[in-house]
Amino acid sequence: MREYDDAHVDRWVDRAALVAEVTRCLADLGRGEAEQAPKQLLPMVGGGFFLTLAGVVPRLGLAVAKWASYRPTADGAASRSTATILVSAADRGDPLARIHGMRATEARTAATAVAVARAARPDTVLRRIGLLGFGPTNRSVLDTVLATLDTVEEVRIVVRTERTAQLVRRQSTRRGPTVSVGTDPAALAGVDLAVSATGATAAVADLDLIAPDGVVVCLDGAHIWRHGGAAELLDDRVVAGRVPSVARMFCGVEPPAGRLLLDVAGSAVADAALASLLLRTADPGRLTPRGADPQPDAASPGRLS
């Protein structure tokens, strides 16, 4: 069985290729050509939770199962998450790989956010992007946005405290779109796409802030956005006898017009997409391509460093 970790994901997973494969896997799910089980949650002693995800993508010949955990910490401190993905052959069940660490989940979550935004508004040019929260998940979202959307002109980042905002400003040395960082959610006014990943337990922003035909991708639950019950809400939750409404967008079902709220809790088929890229391109024993001399990684143009 192959073993992969965060370093392999960083080195071998191409962001654009991952968005493309996640798009295909969600289309498989929408057509009923892939399967995944409902997410299961179990309480963690002392707070937090464990979760499991599982799915099968016959087109890729892969089945995956994820065991993960989330533990909140005191206000102002980073939460702690863990994840391990097991990959098996879809036809025989033979174990193929184990993927350790959070980079895989962060990368596939970011790819999913971009994929569903494209599917929701295929004819919209995404110029103004808002990020509500800027932990590891939304940092990965920004990397993926800048690697795959060449139309972006402005990125507005909203964080909880001014201390965090100052830290992000100091770290931001990237060339490219204009980047602003602040603590007031009103900064999201008029954005074409907003992605929230805050870990908050109550609403922190108003859906009416975004552009009239804008899209919000909630990676932390629809409760983060105040919308008065009038917004169109689509989700990716698996319920017996029902294809997730988010997955149906990838199969020709036209999403509603107007402001759209996409509640994206995470899909096992997206884990299968990432696993397929690693299995095709990555040598677990190397962090450099075959025949190449090891080189220090240059800072990615989409990563704060």
C-alpha atoms as a PDB file:
ATOM      1  CA  MET A   1       0.000   0.000   0.000  1.00  0.00           C
ATOM      2  CA  ARG A   2       1.282   3.465  -0.877  1.00  0.00           C
ATOM      3  CA  GLU A   3       1.657   6.090   1.841  1.00  0.00           C
ATOM      4  CA  TYR A   4       1.179   9.803   1.166  1.00  0.00           C
ATOM      5  CA  ASP A   5       1.323  12.848   3.428  1.00  0.00           C
ATOM      6  CA  ASP A   6       1.032  16.642   3.298  1.00  0.00           C
ATOM      7  CA  ALA A   7       4.346  17.014   1.473  1.00  0.00           C
ATOM      8  CA  HIS A   8       3.207  14.728  -1.349  1.00  0.00           C
ATOM      9  CA  VAL A   9      -0.055  16.653  -1.743  1.00  0.00           C
ATOM     10  CA  ASP A  10       1.803  19.975  -1.881  1.00  0.00           C
ATOM     11  CA  ARG A  11       4.321  18.651  -4.387  1.00  0.00           C
ATOM     12  CA  TRP A  12       2.231  16.533  -6.722  1.00  0.00           C
ATOM     13  CA  VAL A  13      -1.369  17.772  -6.761  1.00  0.00           C
ATOM     14  CA  ASP A  14      -1.975  20.357  -9.474  1.00  0.00           C
ATOM     15  CA  ARG A  15      -4.789  22.724  -8.460  1.00  0.00           C
ATOM     16  CA  ALA A  16      -6.345  23.057 -11.907  1.00  0.00           C
ATOM     17  CA  ALA A  17      -6.251  19.306 -12.481  1.00  0.00           C
ATOM     18  CA  LEU A  18      -7.887  18.748  -9.100  1.00  0.00           C
ATOM     19  CA  VAL A  19     -10.720  21.197  -9.859  1.00  0.00           C
ATOM     20  CA  ALA A  20     -11.314  19.395 -13.161  1.00  0.00           C
ATOM     21  CA  GLU A  21     -11.376  15.947 -11.532  1.00  0.00           C
ATOM     22  CA  VAL A  22     -13.623  17.083  -8.672  1.00  0.00           C
ATOM     23  CA  THR A  23     -15.986  18.493 -11.304  1.00  0.00           C
ATOM     24  CA  ARG A  24     -16.121  15.119 -13.065  1.00  0.00           C
ATOM     25  CA  CYS A  25     -16.658  13.243  -9.804  1.00  0.00           C
ATOM     26  CA  LEU A  26     -19.515  15.509  -8.720  1.00  0.00           C
ATOM     27  CA  ALA A  27     -21.088  14.993 -12.152  1.00  0.00           C
ATOM     28  CA  ASP A  28     -20.748  11.229 -11.612  1.00  0.00           C
ATOM     29  CA  LEU A  29     -22.543  11.623  -8.294  1.00  0.00           C
ATOM     30  CA  GLY A  30     -25.268  13.769  -9.840  1.00  0.00           C
ATOM     31  CA  ARG A  31     -25.936  11.174 -12.552  1.00  0.00           C
ATOM     32  CA  GLY A  32     -26.005   8.298 -10.099  1.00  0.00           C
ATOM     33  CA  GLU A  33     -22.749   6.885 -11.495  1.00  0.00           C
ATOM     34  CA  ALA A  34     -20.935   7.278  -8.166  1.00  0.00           C
ATOM     35  CA  GLU A  35     -22.114   6.549  -4.654  1.00  0.00           C
ATOM     36  CA  GLN A  36     -21.380   7.964  -1.255  1.00  0.00           C
ATOM     37  CA  ALA A  37     -22.728   7.303   2.206  1.00  0.00           C
ATOM     38  CA  PRO A  38     -24.188   9.999   4.461  1.00  0.00           C
ATOM     39  CA  LYS A  39     -21.596  11.663   6.674  1.00  0.00           C
ATOM     40  CA  GLN A  40     -21.512  10.210  10.175  1.00  0.00           C
ATOM     41  CA  LEU A  41     -20.593  12.248  13.260  1.00  0.00           C
ATOM     42  CA  LEU A  42     -19.530  10.976  16.671  1.00  0.00           C
ATOM     43  CA  PRO A  43     -18.885  13.139  19.750  1.00  0.00           C
ATOM     44  CA  MET A  44     -15.352  13.629  21.012  1.00  0.00           C
ATOM     45  CA  VAL A  45     -14.667  13.526  24.727  1.00  0.00           C
ATOM     46  CA  GLY A  46     -14.207  17.100  25.912  1.00  0.00           C
ATOM     47  CA  GLY A  47     -15.830  18.692  22.867  1.00  0.00           C
ATOM     48  CA  GLY A  48     -15.431  18.436  19.128  1.00  0.00           C
ATOM     49  CA  PHE A  49     -16.335  15.457  16.993  1.00  0.00           C
ATOM     50  CA  PHE A  50     -15.154  12.595  14.843  1.00  0.00           C
ATOM     51  CA  LEU A  51     -16.563  12.111  11.350  1.00  0.00           C
ATOM     52  CA  THR A  52     -16.536   9.504   8.625  1.00  0.00           C
ATOM     53  CA  LEU A  53     -17.055   9.821   4.869  1.00  0.00           C
ATOM     54  CA  ALA A  54     -17.116   7.019   2.323  1.00  0.00           C
ATOM     55  CA  GLY A  55     -17.740   6.784  -1.403  1.00  0.00           C
ATOM     56  CA  VAL A  56     -17.152   4.803  -4.578  1.00  0.00           C
ATOM     57  CA  VAL A  57     -16.330   6.261  -8.012  1.00  0.00           C
ATOM     58  CA  PRO A  58     -16.417   3.372 -10.534  1.00  0.00           C
ATOM     59  CA  ARG A  59     -15.099   5.563 -13.372  1.00  0.00           C
ATOM     60  CA  LEU A  60     -11.875   6.000 -11.407  1.00  0.00           C
ATOM     61  CA  GLY A  61     -11.895   2.450 -10.088  1.00  0.00           C
ATOM     62  CA  LEU A  62     -11.582   3.816  -6.556  1.00  0.00           C
ATOM     63  CA  ALA A  63     -13.360   3.578  -3.232  1.00  0.00           C
ATOM     64  CA  VAL A  64     -12.411   5.860  -0.345  1.00  0.00           C
ATOM     65  CA  ALA A  65     -13.118   6.146   3.356  1.00  0.00           C
ATOM     66  CA  LYS A  66     -12.064   9.056   5.567  1.00  0.00           C
ATOM     67  CA  TRP A  67     -11.716   9.152   9.342  1.00  0.00           C
ATOM     68  CA  ALA A  68     -11.336  12.704  10.629  1.00  0.00           C
ATOM     69  CA  SER A  69     -11.661  14.772  13.767  1.00  0.00           C
ATOM     70  CA  TYR A  70     -12.229  18.383  14.780  1.00  0.00           C
ATOM     71  CA  ARG A  71     -11.537  19.864  18.192  1.00  0.00           C
ATOM     72  CA  PRO A  72     -12.242  23.547  18.912  1.00  0.00           C
ATOM     73  CA  THR A  73      -9.935  25.441  21.229  1.00  0.00           C
ATOM     74  CA  ALA A  74     -10.184  28.619  23.265  1.00  0.00           C
ATOM     75  CA  ASP A  75     -11.227  31.846  21.551  1.00  0.00           C
ATOM     76  CA  GLY A  76      -8.436  33.209  19.430  1.00  0.00           C
ATOM     77  CA  ALA A  77      -6.577  29.917  19.197  1.00  0.00           C
ATOM     78  CA  ALA A  78      -6.514  27.655  16.171  1.00  0.00           C
ATOM     79  CA  SER A  79      -8.740  24.600  16.246  1.00  0.00           C
ATOM     80  CA  ARG A  80      -7.195  21.171  15.729  1.00  0.00           C
ATOM     81  CA  SER A  81      -8.189  18.864  12.884  1.00  0.00           C
ATOM     82  CA  THR A  82      -6.919  15.479  11.743  1.00  0.00           C
ATOM     83  CA  ALA A  83      -7.734  13.304   8.724  1.00  0.00           C
ATOM     84  CA  THR A  84      -6.727   9.984   7.222  1.00  0.00           C
ATOM     85  CA  ILE A  85      -8.043   8.750   3.869  1.00  0.00           C
ATOM     86  CA  LEU A  86      -7.982   5.063   2.953  1.00  0.00           C
ATOM     87  CA  VAL A  87      -8.114   4.254  -0.763  1.00  0.00           C
ATOM     88  CA  SER A  88      -9.162   0.865  -2.164  1.00  0.00           C
ATOM     89  CA  ALA A  89      -9.791  -0.677  -5.573  1.00  0.00           C
ATOM     90  CA  ALA A  90     -13.482  -0.280  -6.392  1.00  0.00           C
ATOM     91  CA  ASP A  91     -13.809  -3.736  -7.933  1.00  0.00           C
ATOM     92  CA  ARG A  92     -11.767  -5.991  -5.638  1.00  0.00           C
ATOM     93  CA  GLY A  93     -11.460  -3.962  -2.470  1.00  0.00           C
ATOM     94  CA  ASP A  94      -7.674  -4.269  -2.406  1.00  0.00           C
ATOM     95  CA  PRO A  95      -6.047  -1.501  -0.332  1.00  0.00           C
ATOM     96  CA  LEU A  96      -4.144   0.915  -2.560  1.00  0.00           C
ATOM     97  CA  ALA A  97      -3.086   3.911  -0.490  1.00  0.00           C
ATOM     98  CA  ARG A  98      -3.311   5.793   2.756  1.00  0.00           C
ATOM     99  CA  ILE A  99      -3.229   9.603   2.800  1.00  0.00           C
ATOM    100  CA  HIS A 100      -2.272  11.259   6.086  1.00  0.00           C
ATOM    101  CA  GLY A 101      -2.673  14.890   7.113  1.00  0.00           C
ATOM    102  CA  MET A 102      -4.958  17.824   6.451  1.00  0.00           C
ATOM    103  CA  ARG A 103      -3.496  19.092   3.154  1.00  0.00           C
ATOM    104  CA  ALA A 104      -5.535  16.590   1.149  1.00  0.00           C
ATOM    105  CA  THR A 105      -8.790  17.700   2.752  1.00  0.00           C
ATOM    106  CA  GLU A 106      -7.907  21.389   2.436  1.00  0.00           C
ATOM    107  CA  ALA A 107      -6.975  21.007  -1.242  1.00  0.00           C
ATOM    108  CA  ARG A 108     -10.040  19.009  -2.235  1.00  0.00           C
ATOM    109  CA  THR A 109     -12.315  21.355  -0.242  1.00  0.00           C
ATOM    110  CA  ALA A 110     -10.851  24.352  -2.056  1.00  0.00           C
ATOM    111  CA  ALA A 111     -11.216  22.611  -5.411  1.00  0.00           C
ATOM    112  CA  THR A 112     -14.835  21.807  -4.582  1.00  0.00           C
ATOM    113  CA  ALA A 113     -15.541  25.446  -3.710  1.00  0.00           C
ATOM    114  CA  VAL A 114     -14.234  26.613  -7.083  1.00  0.00           C
ATOM    115  CA  ALA A 115     -15.977  23.802  -8.970  1.00  0.00           C
ATOM    116  CA  VAL A 116     -19.410  24.474  -7.459  1.00  0.00           C
ATOM    117  CA  ALA A 117     -19.059  28.229  -7.977  1.00  0.00           C
ATOM    118  CA  ARG A 118     -18.304  27.645 -11.659  1.00  0.00           C
ATOM    119  CA  ALA A 119     -21.219  25.241 -11.997  1.00  0.00           C
ATOM    120  CA  ALA A 120     -23.597  27.655 -10.293  1.00  0.00           C
ATOM    121  CA  ARG A 121     -22.688  30.614 -12.506  1.00  0.00           C
ATOM    122  CA  PRO A 122     -21.006  29.257 -15.652  1.00  0.00           C
ATOM    123  CA  ASP A 123     -21.561  32.495 -17.580  1.00  0.00           C
ATOM    124  CA  THR A 124     -20.495  34.900 -14.832  1.00  0.00           C
ATOM    125  CA  VAL A 125     -17.029  36.415 -14.889  1.00  0.00           C
ATOM    126  CA  LEU A 126     -15.768  36.199 -11.315  1.00  0.00           C
ATOM    127  CA  ARG A 127     -13.817  39.395 -10.696  1.00  0.00           C
ATOM    128  CA  ARG A 128     -14.406  40.200  -7.012  1.00  0.00           C
ATOM    129  CA  ILE A 129     -13.828  37.407  -4.496  1.00  0.00           C
ATOM    130  CA  GLY A 130     -14.579  37.556  -0.777  1.00  0.00           C
ATOM    131  CA  LEU A 131     -13.125  35.224   1.851  1.00  0.00           C
ATOM    132  CA  LEU A 132     -14.855  35.156   5.234  1.00  0.00           C
ATOM    133  CA  GLY A 133     -12.303  33.628   7.573  1.00  0.00           C
ATOM    134  CA  PHE A 134      -8.696  32.971   6.631  1.00  0.00           C
ATOM    135  CA  GLY A 135      -7.538  29.797   8.289  1.00  0.00           C
ATOM    136  CA  PRO A 136      -5.953  26.877   6.422  1.00  0.00           C
ATOM    137  CA  THR A 137      -9.116  26.092   4.435  1.00  0.00           C
ATOM    138  CA  ASN A 138      -9.655  29.554   2.976  1.00  0.00           C
ATOM    139  CA  ARG A 139      -5.919  29.967   2.401  1.00  0.00           C
ATOM    140  CA  SER A 140      -6.176  26.873   0.243  1.00  0.00           C
ATOM    141  CA  VAL A 141      -9.259  28.332  -1.446  1.00  0.00           C
ATOM    142  CA  LEU A 142      -7.279  31.458  -2.320  1.00  0.00           C
ATOM    143  CA  ASP A 143      -4.436  29.379  -3.740  1.00  0.00           C
ATOM    144  CA  THR A 144      -6.915  27.474  -5.907  1.00  0.00           C
ATOM    145  CA  VAL A 145      -8.814  30.579  -7.012  1.00  0.00           C
ATOM    146  CA  LEU A 146      -5.618  32.274  -8.152  1.00  0.00           C
ATOM    147  CA  ALA A 147      -4.355  29.130  -9.860  1.00  0.00           C
ATOM    148  CA  THR A 148      -7.557  28.523 -11.827  1.00  0.00           C
ATOM    149  CA  LEU A 149      -9.459  31.813 -12.292  1.00  0.00           C
ATOM    150  CA  ASP A 150      -7.526  34.358 -14.337  1.00  0.00           C
ATOM    151  CA  THR A 151     -10.401  36.859 -14.218  1.00  0.00           C
ATOM    152  CA  VAL A 152     -10.011  37.744 -10.530  1.00  0.00           C
ATOM    153  CA  GLU A 153      -9.153  41.417 -10.007  1.00  0.00           C
ATOM    154  CA  GLU A 154      -9.831  41.869  -6.304  1.00  0.00           C
ATOM    155  CA  VAL A 155      -9.754  39.677  -3.189  1.00  0.00           C
ATOM    156  CA  ARG A 156     -11.341  40.889   0.047  1.00  0.00           C
ATOM    157  CA  ILE A 157     -10.431  38.967   3.184  1.00  0.00           C
ATOM    158  CA  VAL A 158     -12.472  39.335   6.384  1.00  0.00           C
ATOM    159  CA  VAL A 159     -11.129  37.957   9.662  1.00  0.00           C
ATOM    160  CA  ARG A 160     -12.355  38.135  13.234  1.00  0.00           C
ATOM    161  CA  THR A 161      -9.731  40.292  14.939  1.00  0.00           C
ATOM    162  CA  GLU A 162      -7.528  43.214  13.966  1.00  0.00           C
ATOM    163  CA  ARG A 163      -4.526  41.289  15.262  1.00  0.00           C
ATOM    164  CA  THR A 164      -5.190  38.553  12.709  1.00  0.00           C
ATOM    165  CA  ALA A 165      -5.784  41.144   9.998  1.00  0.00           C
ATOM    166  CA  GLN A 166      -2.403  42.744  10.692  1.00  0.00           C
ATOM    167  CA  LEU A 167      -0.688  39.361  10.540  1.00  0.00           C
ATOM    168  CA  VAL A 168      -2.302  38.549   7.178  1.00  0.00           C
ATOM    169  CA  ARG A 169      -1.320  41.958   5.798  1.00  0.00           C
ATOM    170  CA  ARG A 170       2.299  41.417   6.816  1.00  0.00           C
ATOM    171  CA  GLN A 171       2.371  37.996   5.197  1.00  0.00           C
ATOM    172  CA  SER A 172       0.755  39.091   1.948  1.00  0.00           C
ATOM    173  CA  THR A 173       3.608  39.676  -0.506  1.00  0.00           C
ATOM    174  CA  ARG A 174       1.858  38.213  -3.529  1.00  0.00           C
ATOM    175  CA  ARG A 175       1.640  39.889  -6.908  1.00  0.00           C
ATOM    176  CA  GLY A 176      -1.642  39.758  -8.754  1.00  0.00           C
ATOM    177  CA  PRO A 177      -5.122  40.895  -7.735  1.00  0.00           C
ATOM    178  CA  THR A 178      -5.647  43.711  -5.263  1.00  0.00           C
ATOM    179  CA  VAL A 179      -5.962  42.237  -1.756  1.00  0.00           C
ATOM    180  CA  SER A 180      -7.634  43.971   1.180  1.00  0.00           C
ATOM    181  CA  VAL A 181      -7.853  42.603   4.722  1.00  0.00           C
ATOM    182  CA  GLY A 182     -10.206  43.767   7.465  1.00  0.00           C
ATOM    183  CA  THR A 183     -12.621  42.752  10.196  1.00  0.00           C
ATOM    184  CA  ASP A 184     -15.922  44.200   8.938  1.00  0.00           C
ATOM    185  CA  PRO A 185     -18.089  41.797   6.877  1.00  0.00           C
ATOM    186  CA  ALA A 186     -19.475  44.856   5.071  1.00  0.00           C
ATOM    187  CA  ALA A 187     -16.281  44.679   3.001  1.00  0.00           C
ATOM    188  CA  LEU A 188     -17.928  41.810   1.108  1.00  0.00           C
ATOM    189  CA  ALA A 189     -20.443  44.191  -0.488  1.00  0.00           C
ATOM    190  CA  GLY A 190     -20.817  43.499  -4.200  1.00  0.00           C
ATOM    191  CA  VAL A 191     -18.511  40.477  -4.458  1.00  0.00           C
ATOM    192  CA  ASP A 192     -19.293  37.936  -7.173  1.00  0.00           C
ATOM    193  CA  LEU A 193     -18.214  34.983  -5.030  1.00  0.00           C
ATOM    194  CA  ALA A 194     -17.825  34.677  -1.275  1.00  0.00           C
ATOM    195  CA  VAL A 195     -16.435  31.619   0.480  1.00  0.00           C
ATOM    196  CA  SER A 196     -16.885  31.243   4.227  1.00  0.00           C
ATOM    197  CA  ALA A 197     -14.752  28.999   6.433  1.00  0.00           C
ATOM    198  CA  THR A 198     -14.921  30.486   9.911  1.00  0.00           C
ATOM    199  CA  GLY A 199     -15.791  27.777  12.411  1.00  0.00           C
ATOM    200  CA  ALA A 200     -18.323  30.210  13.899  1.00  0.00           C
ATOM    201  CA  THR A 201     -21.471  28.903  15.573  1.00  0.00           C
ATOM    202  CA  ALA A 202     -23.701  31.892  14.733  1.00  0.00           C
ATOM    203  CA  ALA A 203     -24.358  34.168  11.766  1.00  0.00           C
ATOM    204  CA  VAL A 204     -21.615  36.678  11.046  1.00  0.00           C
ATOM    205  CA  ALA A 205     -22.539  38.151   7.629  1.00  0.00           C
ATOM    206  CA  ASP A 206     -25.561  39.098   5.506  1.00  0.00           C
ATOM    207  CA  LEU A 207     -26.231  37.384   2.195  1.00  0.00           C
ATOM    208  CA  ASP A 208     -27.656  40.643   0.831  1.00  0.00           C
ATOM    209  CA  LEU A 209     -24.132  42.059   0.819  1.00  0.00           C
ATOM    210  CA  ILE A 210     -23.014  40.111  -2.233  1.00  0.00           C
ATOM    211  CA  ALA A 211     -23.795  40.956  -5.863  1.00  0.00           C
ATOM    212  CA  PRO A 212     -27.431  40.392  -6.940  1.00  0.00           C
ATOM    213  CA  ASP A 213     -26.448  37.279  -8.914  1.00  0.00           C
ATOM    214  CA  GLY A 214     -23.559  36.367  -6.622  1.00  0.00           C
ATOM    215  CA  VAL A 215     -22.767  33.030  -5.026  1.00  0.00           C
ATOM    216  CA  VAL A 216     -21.830  32.165  -1.471  1.00  0.00           C
ATOM    217  CA  VAL A 217     -20.077  28.851  -0.852  1.00  0.00           C
ATOM    218  CA  CYS A 218     -20.424  27.936   2.829  1.00  0.00           C
ATOM    219  CA  LEU A 219     -17.738  25.524   3.969  1.00  0.00           C
ATOM    220  CA  ASP A 220     -18.800  26.069   7.580  1.00  0.00           C
ATOM    221  CA  GLY A 221     -22.604  25.791   7.318  1.00  0.00           C
ATOM    222  CA  ALA A 222     -25.381  27.985   5.955  1.00  0.00           C
ATOM    223  CA  HIS A 223     -26.055  29.335   9.471  1.00  0.00           C
ATOM    224  CA  ILE A 224     -23.054  31.643   9.007  1.00  0.00           C
ATOM    225  CA  TRP A 225     -25.098  33.821   6.629  1.00  0.00           C
ATOM    226  CA  ARG A 226     -28.202  35.832   7.544  1.00  0.00           C
ATOM    227  CA  HIS A 227     -30.705  35.623   4.721  1.00  0.00           C
ATOM    228  CA  GLY A 228     -34.202  35.757   6.203  1.00  0.00           C
ATOM    229  CA  GLY A 229     -35.194  32.439   4.667  1.00  0.00           C
ATOM    230  CA  ALA A 230     -35.663  34.020   1.240  1.00  0.00           C
ATOM    231  CA  ALA A 231     -32.400  32.838  -0.310  1.00  0.00           C
ATOM    232  CA  GLU A 232     -32.066  29.903  -2.646  1.00  0.00           C
ATOM    233  CA  LEU A 233     -30.159  27.215  -0.744  1.00  0.00           C
ATOM    234  CA  LEU A 234     -28.534  24.169  -2.332  1.00  0.00           C
ATOM    235  CA  ASP A 235     -26.476  21.594  -0.433  1.00  0.00           C
ATOM    236  CA  ASP A 236     -24.320  18.522  -0.993  1.00  0.00           C
ATOM    237  CA  ARG A 237     -25.777  16.376   1.774  1.00  0.00           C
ATOM    238  CA  VAL A 238     -26.512  12.749   0.974  1.00  0.00           C
ATOM    239  CA  VAL A 239     -29.953  11.551   2.011  1.00  0.00           C
ATOM    240  CA  ALA A 240     -31.402   8.166   1.096  1.00  0.00           C
ATOM    241  CA  GLY A 241     -33.302   8.406  -2.186  1.00  0.00           C
ATOM    242  CA  ARG A 242     -32.113  11.929  -2.989  1.00  0.00           C
ATOM    243  CA  VAL A 243     -29.300  13.163  -5.200  1.00  0.00           C
ATOM    244  CA  PRO A 244     -27.625  16.186  -3.564  1.00  0.00           C
ATOM    245  CA  SER A 245     -28.831  19.410  -5.165  1.00  0.00           C
ATOM    246  CA  VAL A 246     -25.267  20.698  -5.544  1.00  0.00           C
ATOM    247  CA  ALA A 247     -24.280  17.582  -7.511  1.00  0.00           C
ATOM    248  CA  ARG A 248     -27.285  18.006  -9.812  1.00  0.00           C
ATOM    249  CA  MET A 249     -25.864  21.336 -11.020  1.00  0.00           C
ATOM    250  CA  PHE A 250     -23.106  19.356 -12.749  1.00  0.00           C
ATOM    251  CA  CYS A 251     -25.651  17.379 -14.776  1.00  0.00           C
ATOM    252  CA  GLY A 252     -27.488  20.136 -16.594  1.00  0.00           C
ATOM    253  CA  VAL A 253     -29.927  21.137 -13.842  1.00  0.00           C
ATOM    254  CA  GLU A 254     -29.885  24.918 -14.013  1.00  0.00           C
ATOM    255  CA  PRO A 255     -29.352  26.580 -10.617  1.00  0.00           C
ATOM    256  CA  PRO A 256     -31.744  29.321  -9.496  1.00  0.00           C
ATOM    257  CA  ALA A 257     -31.142  32.925 -10.488  1.00  0.00           C
ATOM    258  CA  GLY A 258     -30.397  35.617  -7.925  1.00  0.00           C
ATOM    259  CA  ARG A 259     -28.230  35.307  -4.837  1.00  0.00           C
ATOM    260  CA  LEU A 260     -27.389  31.680  -4.225  1.00  0.00           C
ATOM    261  CA  LEU A 261     -26.252  29.968  -1.035  1.00  0.00           C
ATOM    262  CA  LEU A 262     -24.342  26.706  -1.514  1.00  0.00           C
ATOM    263  CA  ASP A 263     -23.912  24.694   1.682  1.00  0.00           C
ATOM    264  CA  VAL A 264     -20.910  22.459   0.972  1.00  0.00           C
ATOM    265  CA  ALA A 265     -20.200  20.049   3.826  1.00  0.00           C
ATOM    266  CA  GLY A 266     -17.795  17.854   1.865  1.00  0.00           C
ATOM    267  CA  SER A 267     -18.060  14.899  -0.508  1.00  0.00           C
ATOM    268  CA  ALA A 268     -16.232  11.583  -0.432  1.00  0.00           C
ATOM    269  CA  VAL A 269     -16.109  11.658  -4.224  1.00  0.00           C
ATOM    270  CA  ALA A 270     -13.887  14.747  -3.940  1.00  0.00           C
ATOM    271  CA  ASP A 271     -11.508  12.711  -1.779  1.00  0.00           C
ATOM    272  CA  ALA A 272     -11.515  10.090  -4.540  1.00  0.00           C
ATOM    273  CA  ALA A 273     -10.643  12.808  -7.061  1.00  0.00           C
ATOM    274  CA  LEU A 274      -7.583  13.837  -5.079  1.00  0.00           C
ATOM    275  CA  ALA A 275      -6.554  10.224  -4.463  1.00  0.00           C
ATOM    276  CA  SER A 276      -6.716   9.517  -8.189  1.00  0.00           C
ATOM    277  CA  LEU A 277      -4.276  12.348  -8.924  1.00  0.00           C
ATOM    278  CA  LEU A 278      -1.818  11.126  -6.316  1.00  0.00           C
ATOM    279  CA  LEU A 279      -1.979   7.558  -7.575  1.00  0.00           C
ATOM    280  CA  ARG A 280      -1.398   8.694 -11.164  1.00  0.00           C
ATOM    281  CA  THR A 281       1.372  11.211 -10.577  1.00  0.00           C
ATOM    282  CA  ALA A 282       3.069  10.781  -7.215  1.00  0.00           C
ATOM    283  CA  ASP A 283       5.869   8.467  -6.198  1.00  0.00           C
ATOM    284  CA  PRO A 284       5.521   8.053  -2.410  1.00  0.00           C
ATOM    285  CA  GLY A 285       9.279   7.735  -2.057  1.00  0.00           C
ATOM    286  CA  ARG A 286      10.121  10.991  -3.824  1.00  0.00           C
ATOM    287  CA  LEU A 287       9.171  14.645  -3.649  1.00  0.00           C
ATOM    288  CA  THR A 288      10.796  15.442  -7.007  1.00  0.00           C
ATOM    289  CA  PRO A 289       9.912  14.180 -10.504  1.00  0.00           C
ATOM    290  CA  ARG A 290      11.896  11.220 -11.760  1.00  0.00           C
ATOM    291  CA  GLY A 291      15.133  12.333 -13.398  1.00  0.00           C
ATOM    292  CA  ALA A 292      15.058  15.794 -11.846  1.00  0.00           C
ATOM    293  CA  ASP A 293      17.453  17.171  -9.269  1.00  0.00           C
ATOM    294  CA  PRO A 294      15.818  18.141  -5.972  1.00  0.00           C
ATOM    295  CA  GLN A 295      15.012  21.833  -6.021  1.00  0.00           C
ATOM    296  CA  PRO A 296      13.716  24.022  -3.212  1.00  0.00           C
ATOM    297  CA  ASP A 297      10.075  24.829  -3.779  1.00  0.00           C
ATOM    298  CA  ALA A 298       9.552  28.361  -4.991  1.00  0.00           C
ATOM    299  CA  ALA A 299       6.804  30.269  -3.231  1.00  0.00           C
ATOM    300  CA  SER A 300       3.551  29.706  -5.030  1.00  0.00           C
ATOM    301  CA  PRO A 301       2.097  32.908  -6.491  1.00  0.00           C
ATOM    302  CA  GLY A 302      -1.173  32.032  -4.804  1.00  0.00           C
ATOM    303  CA  ARG A 303       0.190  31.221  -1.335  1.00  0.00           C
ATOM    304  CA  LEU A 304       0.845  33.726   1.402  1.00  0.00           C
ATOM    305  CA  SER A 305       4.469  33.370   2.446  1.00  0.00           C
END
